[in-house]
Amino acid sequence: EEVIEFKLDKLMTDWIEHEKTIRNTSACELAIR
């Protein structure tokens, strides 16, 4: 289970880090992404 948690955490962390680089986005645009 920890292996799967690692994979999910890595994927989500990478996505969040990418999202932090995007400026001036609406809630709808964020939800779509």
PDB file of all heavy atoms in Angstrom:
ATOM      1  N   GLU A   1       0.834  -1.206   0.000  1.00  0.00           N
ATOM      2  CA  GLU A   1       0.000   0.000   0.000  1.00  0.00           C
ATOM      3  C   GLU A   1       0.870   1.259   0.000  1.00  0.00           C
ATOM      4  O   GLU A   1       0.552   2.244  -0.676  1.00  0.00           O
ATOM      5  CB  GLU A   1      -0.944   0.012   1.214  1.00  0.00           C
ATOM      6  CG  GLU A   1      -2.025  -1.034   1.172  1.00  0.00           C
ATOM      7  CD  GLU A   1      -1.587  -2.413   1.678  1.00  0.00           C
ATOM      8  OE1 GLU A   1      -0.400  -2.588   2.048  1.00  0.00           O
ATOM      9  OE2 GLU A   1      -2.417  -3.333   1.683  1.00  0.00           O
ATOM     10  N   GLU A   2       1.969   1.214   0.732  1.00  0.00           N
ATOM     11  CA  GLU A   2       2.883   2.357   0.771  1.00  0.00           C
ATOM     12  C   GLU A   2       3.494   2.631  -0.607  1.00  0.00           C
ATOM     13  O   GLU A   2       3.742   3.779  -0.972  1.00  0.00           O
ATOM     14  CB  GLU A   2       3.987   2.103   1.801  1.00  0.00           C
ATOM     15  CG  GLU A   2       4.869   3.300   2.049  1.00  0.00           C
ATOM     16  CD  GLU A   2       5.954   3.036   3.080  1.00  0.00           C
ATOM     17  OE1 GLU A   2       5.885   2.024   3.814  1.00  0.00           O
ATOM     18  OE2 GLU A   2       6.889   3.852   3.133  1.00  0.00           O
ATOM     19  N   VAL A   3       3.700   1.586  -1.377  1.00  0.00           N
ATOM     20  CA  VAL A   3       4.228   1.733  -2.741  1.00  0.00           C
ATOM     21  C   VAL A   3       3.230   2.534  -3.587  1.00  0.00           C
ATOM     22  O   VAL A   3       3.614   3.476  -4.289  1.00  0.00           O
ATOM     23  CB  VAL A   3       4.493   0.353  -3.385  1.00  0.00           C
ATOM     24  CG1 VAL A   3       4.888   0.508  -4.849  1.00  0.00           C
ATOM     25  CG2 VAL A   3       5.559  -0.408  -2.614  1.00  0.00           C
ATOM     26  N   ILE A   4       1.964   2.167  -3.486  1.00  0.00           N
ATOM     27  CA  ILE A   4       0.921   2.860  -4.252  1.00  0.00           C
ATOM     28  C   ILE A   4       0.779   4.299  -3.766  1.00  0.00           C
ATOM     29  O   ILE A   4       0.657   5.230  -4.569  1.00  0.00           O
ATOM     30  CB  ILE A   4      -0.413   2.102  -4.160  1.00  0.00           C
ATOM     31  CG1 ILE A   4      -0.258   0.723  -4.817  1.00  0.00           C
ATOM     32  CG2 ILE A   4      -1.542   2.897  -4.821  1.00  0.00           C
ATOM     33  CD1 ILE A   4      -1.381  -0.240  -4.528  1.00  0.00           C
ATOM     34  N   GLU A   5       0.829   4.490  -2.459  1.00  0.00           N
ATOM     35  CA  GLU A   5       0.746   5.850  -1.903  1.00  0.00           C
ATOM     36  C   GLU A   5       1.900   6.711  -2.410  1.00  0.00           C
ATOM     37  O   GLU A   5       1.716   7.888  -2.723  1.00  0.00           O
ATOM     38  CB  GLU A   5       0.743   5.798  -0.376  1.00  0.00           C
ATOM     39  CG  GLU A   5      -0.554   5.257   0.185  1.00  0.00           C
ATOM     40  CD  GLU A   5      -0.480   4.951   1.676  1.00  0.00           C
ATOM     41  OE1 GLU A   5       0.641   4.920   2.245  1.00  0.00           O
ATOM     42  OE2 GLU A   5      -1.555   4.728   2.263  1.00  0.00           O
ATOM     43  N   PHE A   6       3.090   6.128  -2.503  1.00  0.00           N
ATOM     44  CA  PHE A   6       4.232   6.855  -3.043  1.00  0.00           C
ATOM     45  C   PHE A   6       3.951   7.332  -4.463  1.00  0.00           C
ATOM     46  O   PHE A   6       4.192   8.487  -4.813  1.00  0.00           O
ATOM     47  CB  PHE A   6       5.499   5.982  -3.027  1.00  0.00           C
ATOM     48  CG  PHE A   6       6.573   6.497  -3.944  1.00  0.00           C
ATOM     49  CD1 PHE A   6       7.387   7.550  -3.577  1.00  0.00           C
ATOM     50  CD2 PHE A   6       6.754   5.935  -5.206  1.00  0.00           C
ATOM     51  CE1 PHE A   6       8.365   8.048  -4.440  1.00  0.00           C
ATOM     52  CE2 PHE A   6       7.724   6.416  -6.075  1.00  0.00           C
ATOM     53  CZ  PHE A   6       8.533   7.470  -5.688  1.00  0.00           C
ATOM     54  N   LYS A   7       3.444   6.422  -5.299  1.00  0.00           N
ATOM     55  CA  LYS A   7       3.184   6.751  -6.706  1.00  0.00           C
ATOM     56  C   LYS A   7       2.153   7.866  -6.822  1.00  0.00           C
ATOM     57  O   LYS A   7       2.350   8.835  -7.571  1.00  0.00           O
ATOM     58  CB  LYS A   7       2.714   5.499  -7.466  1.00  0.00           C
ATOM     59  CG  LYS A   7       2.463   5.720  -8.934  1.00  0.00           C
ATOM     60  CD  LYS A   7       3.738   6.011  -9.690  1.00  0.00           C
ATOM     61  CE  LYS A   7       3.493   6.075 -11.181  1.00  0.00           C
ATOM     62  NZ  LYS A   7       4.715   6.244 -11.937  1.00  0.00           N
ATOM     63  N   LEU A   8       1.057   7.750  -6.073  1.00  0.00           N
ATOM     64  CA  LEU A   8       0.017   8.783  -6.119  1.00  0.00           C
ATOM     65  C   LEU A   8       0.552  10.117  -5.617  1.00  0.00           C
ATOM     66  O   LEU A   8       0.285  11.164  -6.207  1.00  0.00           O
ATOM     67  CB  LEU A   8      -1.203   8.355  -5.300  1.00  0.00           C
ATOM     68  CG  LEU A   8      -2.005   7.182  -5.862  1.00  0.00           C
ATOM     69  CD1 LEU A   8      -3.048   6.722  -4.851  1.00  0.00           C
ATOM     70  CD2 LEU A   8      -2.649   7.547  -7.194  1.00  0.00           C
ATOM     71  N   ASP A   9       1.312  10.079  -4.537  1.00  0.00           N
ATOM     72  CA  ASP A   9       1.869  11.312  -3.990  1.00  0.00           C
ATOM     73  C   ASP A   9       2.818  11.970  -4.976  1.00  0.00           C
ATOM     74  O   ASP A   9       2.783  13.180  -5.174  1.00  0.00           O
ATOM     75  CB  ASP A   9       2.586  11.028  -2.671  1.00  0.00           C
ATOM     76  CG  ASP A   9       3.112  12.303  -2.039  1.00  0.00           C
ATOM     77  OD1 ASP A   9       2.285  13.159  -1.645  1.00  0.00           O
ATOM     78  OD2 ASP A   9       4.348  12.465  -1.959  1.00  0.00           O
ATOM     79  N   LYS A  10       3.641  11.177  -5.634  1.00  0.00           N
ATOM     80  CA  LYS A  10       4.581  11.731  -6.619  1.00  0.00           C
ATOM     81  C   LYS A  10       3.842  12.383  -7.781  1.00  0.00           C
ATOM     82  O   LYS A  10       4.166  13.500  -8.190  1.00  0.00           O
ATOM     83  CB  LYS A  10       5.513  10.640  -7.137  1.00  0.00           C
ATOM     84  CG  LYS A  10       6.385  11.093  -8.303  1.00  0.00           C
ATOM     85  CD  LYS A  10       7.807  10.750  -8.131  1.00  0.00           C
ATOM     86  CE  LYS A  10       8.741  11.194  -9.204  1.00  0.00           C
ATOM     87  NZ  LYS A  10       8.474  12.428  -9.892  1.00  0.00           N
ATOM     88  N   LEU A  11       2.839  11.687  -8.293  1.00  0.00           N
ATOM     89  CA  LEU A  11       2.070  12.242  -9.412  1.00  0.00           C
ATOM     90  C   LEU A  11       1.378  13.539  -9.014  1.00  0.00           C
ATOM     91  O   LEU A  11       1.415  14.529  -9.749  1.00  0.00           O
ATOM     92  CB  LEU A  11       1.040  11.222  -9.897  1.00  0.00           C
ATOM     93  CG  LEU A  11       1.611   9.998 -10.622  1.00  0.00           C
ATOM     94  CD1 LEU A  11       0.533   8.927 -10.760  1.00  0.00           C
ATOM     95  CD2 LEU A  11       2.177  10.386 -11.973  1.00  0.00           C
ATOM     96  N   MET A  12       0.756  13.545  -7.848  1.00  0.00           N
ATOM     97  CA  MET A  12       0.034  14.744  -7.404  1.00  0.00           C
ATOM     98  C   MET A  12       0.984  15.881  -7.066  1.00  0.00           C
ATOM     99  O   MET A  12       0.695  17.042  -7.379  1.00  0.00           O
ATOM    100  CB  MET A  12      -0.864  14.410  -6.220  1.00  0.00           C
ATOM    101  CG  MET A  12      -2.074  13.619  -6.630  1.00  0.00           C
ATOM    102  SD  MET A  12      -3.208  13.457  -5.251  1.00  0.00           S
ATOM    103  CE  MET A  12      -3.967  11.910  -5.693  1.00  0.00           C
ATOM    104  N   THR A  13       2.100  15.568  -6.456  1.00  0.00           N
ATOM    105  CA  THR A  13       3.092  16.602  -6.141  1.00  0.00           C
ATOM    106  C   THR A  13       3.611  17.242  -7.423  1.00  0.00           C
ATOM    107  O   THR A  13       3.726  18.470  -7.512  1.00  0.00           O
ATOM    108  CB  THR A  13       4.254  16.009  -5.321  1.00  0.00           C
ATOM    109  OG1 THR A  13       3.728  15.496  -4.095  1.00  0.00           O
ATOM    110  CG2 THR A  13       5.319  17.048  -5.034  1.00  0.00           C
ATOM    111  N   ASP A  14       3.929  16.430  -8.422  1.00  0.00           N
ATOM    112  CA  ASP A  14       4.395  16.971  -9.709  1.00  0.00           C
ATOM    113  C   ASP A  14       3.330  17.865 -10.332  1.00  0.00           C
ATOM    114  O   ASP A  14       3.641  18.932 -10.868  1.00  0.00           O
ATOM    115  CB  ASP A  14       4.767  15.837 -10.672  1.00  0.00           C
ATOM    116  CG  ASP A  14       6.013  15.079 -10.244  1.00  0.00           C
ATOM    117  OD1 ASP A  14       6.737  15.541  -9.330  1.00  0.00           O
ATOM    118  OD2 ASP A  14       6.265  13.997 -10.825  1.00  0.00           O
ATOM    119  N   TRP A  15       2.052  17.438 -10.272  1.00  0.00           N
ATOM    120  CA  TRP A  15       0.975  18.244 -10.846  1.00  0.00           C
ATOM    121  C   TRP A  15       0.837  19.566 -10.096  1.00  0.00           C
ATOM    122  O   TRP A  15       0.724  20.629 -10.721  1.00  0.00           O
ATOM    123  CB  TRP A  15      -0.352  17.474 -10.814  1.00  0.00           C
ATOM    124  CG  TRP A  15      -1.468  18.258 -11.421  1.00  0.00           C
ATOM    125  CD1 TRP A  15      -1.701  18.458 -12.748  1.00  0.00           C
ATOM    126  CD2 TRP A  15      -2.491  18.981 -10.735  1.00  0.00           C
ATOM    127  NE1 TRP A  15      -2.811  19.243 -12.932  1.00  0.00           N
ATOM    128  CE2 TRP A  15      -3.318  19.584 -11.701  1.00  0.00           C
ATOM    129  CE3 TRP A  15      -2.786  19.170  -9.383  1.00  0.00           C
ATOM    130  CZ2 TRP A  15      -4.426  20.365 -11.367  1.00  0.00           C
ATOM    131  CZ3 TRP A  15      -3.891  19.942  -9.052  1.00  0.00           C
ATOM    132  CH2 TRP A  15      -4.686  20.537 -10.039  1.00  0.00           C
ATOM    133  N   ILE A  16       0.874  19.516  -8.774  1.00  0.00           N
ATOM    134  CA  ILE A  16       0.739  20.734  -7.969  1.00  0.00           C
ATOM    135  C   ILE A  16       1.889  21.690  -8.256  1.00  0.00           C
ATOM    136  O   ILE A  16       1.679  22.903  -8.408  1.00  0.00           O
ATOM    137  CB  ILE A  16       0.660  20.390  -6.466  1.00  0.00           C
ATOM    138  CG1 ILE A  16      -0.682  19.719  -6.164  1.00  0.00           C
ATOM    139  CG2 ILE A  16       0.846  21.628  -5.599  1.00  0.00           C
ATOM    140  CD1 ILE A  16      -0.764  19.075  -4.798  1.00  0.00           C
ATOM    141  N   GLU A  17       3.101  21.170  -8.350  1.00  0.00           N
ATOM    142  CA  GLU A  17       4.259  22.022  -8.648  1.00  0.00           C
ATOM    143  C   GLU A  17       4.101  22.694 -10.008  1.00  0.00           C
ATOM    144  O   GLU A  17       4.430  23.873 -10.171  1.00  0.00           O
ATOM    145  CB  GLU A  17       5.564  21.227  -8.578  1.00  0.00           C
ATOM    146  CG  GLU A  17       5.952  20.820  -7.175  1.00  0.00           C
ATOM    147  CD  GLU A  17       6.055  22.003  -6.216  1.00  0.00           C
ATOM    148  OE1 GLU A  17       6.704  23.013  -6.567  1.00  0.00           O
ATOM    149  OE2 GLU A  17       5.471  21.920  -5.115  1.00  0.00           O
ATOM    150  N   HIS A  18       3.583  21.962 -10.970  1.00  0.00           N
ATOM    151  CA  HIS A  18       3.332  22.557 -12.288  1.00  0.00           C
ATOM    152  C   HIS A  18       2.248  23.640 -12.179  1.00  0.00           C
ATOM    153  O   HIS A  18       2.383  24.717 -12.773  1.00  0.00           O
ATOM    154  CB  HIS A  18       2.911  21.492 -13.295  1.00  0.00           C
ATOM    155  CG  HIS A  18       2.483  22.064 -14.602  1.00  0.00           C
ATOM    156  ND1 HIS A  18       3.367  22.613 -15.504  1.00  0.00           N
ATOM    157  CD2 HIS A  18       1.255  22.205 -15.154  1.00  0.00           C
ATOM    158  CE1 HIS A  18       2.710  23.075 -16.548  1.00  0.00           C
ATOM    159  NE2 HIS A  18       1.423  22.828 -16.373  1.00  0.00           N
ATOM    160  N   GLU A  19       1.206  23.365 -11.434  1.00  0.00           N
ATOM    161  CA  GLU A  19       0.110  24.328 -11.283  1.00  0.00           C
ATOM    162  C   GLU A  19       0.580  25.620 -10.636  1.00  0.00           C
ATOM    163  O   GLU A  19       0.055  26.691 -10.942  1.00  0.00           O
ATOM    164  CB  GLU A  19      -1.044  23.723 -10.468  1.00  0.00           C
ATOM    165  CG  GLU A  19      -1.899  22.765 -11.239  1.00  0.00           C
ATOM    166  CD  GLU A  19      -2.536  23.381 -12.477  1.00  0.00           C
ATOM    167  OE1 GLU A  19      -3.149  24.469 -12.372  1.00  0.00           O
ATOM    168  OE2 GLU A  19      -2.414  22.781 -13.551  1.00  0.00           O
ATOM    169  N   LYS A  20       1.544  25.543  -9.754  1.00  0.00           N
ATOM    170  CA  LYS A  20       2.065  26.741  -9.088  1.00  0.00           C
ATOM    171  C   LYS A  20       2.710  27.700 -10.076  1.00  0.00           C
ATOM    172  O   LYS A  20       2.846  28.881  -9.784  1.00  0.00           O
ATOM    173  CB  LYS A  20       3.073  26.359  -8.011  1.00  0.00           C
ATOM    174  CG  LYS A  20       2.444  25.746  -6.790  1.00  0.00           C
ATOM    175  CD  LYS A  20       3.524  25.362  -5.780  1.00  0.00           C
ATOM    176  CE  LYS A  20       2.935  24.729  -4.547  1.00  0.00           C
ATOM    177  NZ  LYS A  20       3.983  24.292  -3.599  1.00  0.00           N
ATOM    178  N   THR A  21       3.105  27.198 -11.246  1.00  0.00           N
ATOM    179  CA  THR A  21       3.752  28.056 -12.242  1.00  0.00           C
ATOM    180  C   THR A  21       2.745  28.801 -13.099  1.00  0.00           C
ATOM    181  O   THR A  21       3.110  29.694 -13.850  1.00  0.00           O
ATOM    182  CB  THR A  21       4.672  27.230 -13.177  1.00  0.00           C
ATOM    183  OG1 THR A  21       3.870  26.336 -13.969  1.00  0.00           O
ATOM    184  CG2 THR A  21       5.699  26.444 -12.372  1.00  0.00           C
ATOM    185  N   ILE A  22       1.475  28.431 -12.997  1.00  0.00           N
ATOM    186  CA  ILE A  22       0.439  29.049 -13.816  1.00  0.00           C
ATOM    187  C   ILE A  22      -0.203  30.181 -13.021  1.00  0.00           C
ATOM    188  O   ILE A  22      -0.687  29.985 -11.912  1.00  0.00           O
ATOM    189  CB  ILE A  22      -0.616  28.012 -14.252  1.00  0.00           C
ATOM    190  CG1 ILE A  22       0.059  26.887 -15.045  1.00  0.00           C
ATOM    191  CG2 ILE A  22      -1.727  28.676 -15.066  1.00  0.00           C
ATOM    192  CD1 ILE A  22      -0.847  25.717 -15.352  1.00  0.00           C
ATOM    193  N   ARG A  23      -0.215  31.352 -13.595  1.00  0.00           N
ATOM    194  CA  ARG A  23      -0.719  32.549 -12.906  1.00  0.00           C
ATOM    195  C   ARG A  23      -2.101  32.935 -13.429  1.00  0.00           C
ATOM    196  O   ARG A  23      -2.478  32.608 -14.560  1.00  0.00           O
ATOM    197  CB  ARG A  23       0.236  33.731 -13.130  1.00  0.00           C
ATOM    198  CG  ARG A  23       1.641  33.471 -12.661  1.00  0.00           C
ATOM    199  CD  ARG A  23       1.741  33.690 -11.162  1.00  0.00           C
ATOM    200  NE  ARG A  23       3.117  33.503 -10.738  1.00  0.00           N
ATOM    201  CZ  ARG A  23       3.456  32.653  -9.803  1.00  0.00           C
ATOM    202  NH1 ARG A  23       2.569  31.915  -9.216  1.00  0.00           N
ATOM    203  NH2 ARG A  23       4.713  32.530  -9.453  1.00  0.00           N
ATOM    204  N   ASN A  24      -2.818  33.674 -12.590  1.00  0.00           N
ATOM    205  CA  ASN A  24      -4.115  34.256 -12.971  1.00  0.00           C
ATOM    206  C   ASN A  24      -5.054  33.240 -13.611  1.00  0.00           C
ATOM    207  O   ASN A  24      -5.444  33.375 -14.765  1.00  0.00           O
ATOM    208  CB  ASN A  24      -3.916  35.449 -13.904  1.00  0.00           C
ATOM    209  CG  ASN A  24      -3.073  36.529 -13.255  1.00  0.00           C
ATOM    210  OD1 ASN A  24      -3.158  36.745 -12.047  1.00  0.00           O
ATOM    211  ND2 ASN A  24      -2.256  37.197 -14.042  1.00  0.00           N
ATOM    212  N   THR A  25      -5.395  32.233 -12.863  1.00  0.00           N
ATOM    213  CA  THR A  25      -6.280  31.199 -13.380  1.00  0.00           C
ATOM    214  C   THR A  25      -7.594  31.218 -12.603  1.00  0.00           C
ATOM    215  O   THR A  25      -7.601  31.491 -11.409  1.00  0.00           O
ATOM    216  CB  THR A  25      -5.600  29.817 -13.298  1.00  0.00           C
ATOM    217  OG1 THR A  25      -6.414  28.869 -13.956  1.00  0.00           O
ATOM    218  CG2 THR A  25      -5.357  29.374 -11.886  1.00  0.00           C
ATOM    219  N   SER A  26      -8.671  30.959 -13.269  1.00  0.00           N
ATOM    220  CA  SER A  26      -9.978  30.921 -12.599  1.00  0.00           C
ATOM    221  C   SER A  26     -10.179  29.563 -11.943  1.00  0.00           C
ATOM    222  O   SER A  26      -9.485  28.585 -12.262  1.00  0.00           O
ATOM    223  CB  SER A  26     -11.100  31.174 -13.607  1.00  0.00           C
ATOM    224  OG  SER A  26     -11.234  30.061 -14.475  1.00  0.00           O
ATOM    225  N   ALA A  27     -11.149  29.494 -11.049  1.00  0.00           N
ATOM    226  CA  ALA A  27     -11.476  28.220 -10.398  1.00  0.00           C
ATOM    227  C   ALA A  27     -11.900  27.191 -11.437  1.00  0.00           C
ATOM    228  O   ALA A  27     -11.545  26.017 -11.339  1.00  0.00           O
ATOM    229  CB  ALA A  27     -12.574  28.434  -9.361  1.00  0.00           C
ATOM    230  N   CYS A  28     -12.631  27.617 -12.447  1.00  0.00           N
ATOM    231  CA  CYS A  28     -13.083  26.701 -13.487  1.00  0.00           C
ATOM    232  C   CYS A  28     -11.898  26.151 -14.282  1.00  0.00           C
ATOM    233  O   CYS A  28     -11.822  24.954 -14.545  1.00  0.00           O
ATOM    234  CB  CYS A  28     -14.079  27.384 -14.412  1.00  0.00           C
ATOM    235  SG  CYS A  28     -14.825  26.260 -15.618  1.00  0.00           S
ATOM    236  N   GLU A  29     -10.962  27.014 -14.643  1.00  0.00           N
ATOM    237  CA  GLU A  29      -9.776  26.561 -15.385  1.00  0.00           C
ATOM    238  C   GLU A  29      -8.958  25.574 -14.548  1.00  0.00           C
ATOM    239  O   GLU A  29      -8.480  24.561 -15.065  1.00  0.00           O
ATOM    240  CB  GLU A  29      -8.901  27.755 -15.775  1.00  0.00           C
ATOM    241  CG  GLU A  29      -9.529  28.650 -16.820  1.00  0.00           C
ATOM    242  CD  GLU A  29      -8.810  29.989 -16.964  1.00  0.00           C
ATOM    243  OE1 GLU A  29      -8.162  30.454 -16.012  1.00  0.00           O
ATOM    244  OE2 GLU A  29      -8.908  30.563 -18.056  1.00  0.00           O
ATOM    245  N   LEU A  30      -8.831  25.864 -13.263  1.00  0.00           N
ATOM    246  CA  LEU A  30      -8.105  24.962 -12.371  1.00  0.00           C
ATOM    247  C   LEU A  30      -8.828  23.615 -12.268  1.00  0.00           C
ATOM    248  O   LEU A  30      -8.190  22.558 -12.322  1.00  0.00           O
ATOM    249  CB  LEU A  30      -7.947  25.585 -10.987  1.00  0.00           C
ATOM    250  CG  LEU A  30      -7.224  24.735  -9.946  1.00  0.00           C
ATOM    251  CD1 LEU A  30      -5.804  24.411 -10.399  1.00  0.00           C
ATOM    252  CD2 LEU A  30      -7.215  25.440  -8.599  1.00  0.00           C
ATOM    253  N   ALA A  31     -10.148  23.644 -12.142  1.00  0.00           N
ATOM    254  CA  ALA A  31     -10.926  22.407 -12.057  1.00  0.00           C
ATOM    255  C   ALA A  31     -10.788  21.588 -13.338  1.00  0.00           C
ATOM    256  O   ALA A  31     -10.661  20.361 -13.292  1.00  0.00           O
ATOM    257  CB  ALA A  31     -12.390  22.724 -11.771  1.00  0.00           C
ATOM    258  N   ILE A  32     -10.786  22.255 -14.467  1.00  0.00           N
ATOM    259  CA  ILE A  32     -10.609  21.554 -15.745  1.00  0.00           C
ATOM    260  C   ILE A  32      -9.239  20.875 -15.785  1.00  0.00           C
ATOM    261  O   ILE A  32      -9.122  19.702 -16.137  1.00  0.00           O
ATOM    262  CB  ILE A  32     -10.800  22.517 -16.939  1.00  0.00           C
ATOM    263  CG1 ILE A  32     -12.280  22.901 -17.068  1.00  0.00           C
ATOM    264  CG2 ILE A  32     -10.267  21.902 -18.240  1.00  0.00           C
ATOM    265  CD1 ILE A  32     -12.547  24.045 -18.036  1.00  0.00           C
ATOM    266  N   ARG A  33      -8.197  21.595 -15.404  1.00  0.00           N
ATOM    267  CA  ARG A  33      -6.850  21.007 -15.399  1.00  0.00           C
ATOM    268  C   ARG A  33      -6.754  19.863 -14.384  1.00  0.00           C
ATOM    269  O   ARG A  33      -6.046  18.880 -14.608  1.00  0.00           O
ATOM    270  CB  ARG A  33      -5.792  22.075 -15.142  1.00  0.00           C
ATOM    271  CG  ARG A  33      -5.582  22.982 -16.353  1.00  0.00           C
ATOM    272  CD  ARG A  33      -4.301  23.783 -16.268  1.00  0.00           C
ATOM    273  NE  ARG A  33      -4.193  24.577 -15.064  1.00  0.00           N
ATOM    274  CZ  ARG A  33      -4.712  25.805 -14.908  1.00  0.00           C
ATOM    275  NH1 ARG A  33      -5.392  26.370 -15.892  1.00  0.00           N
ATOM    276  NH2 ARG A  33      -4.537  26.457 -13.787  1.00  0.00           N
TER     277      ARG A  33
END
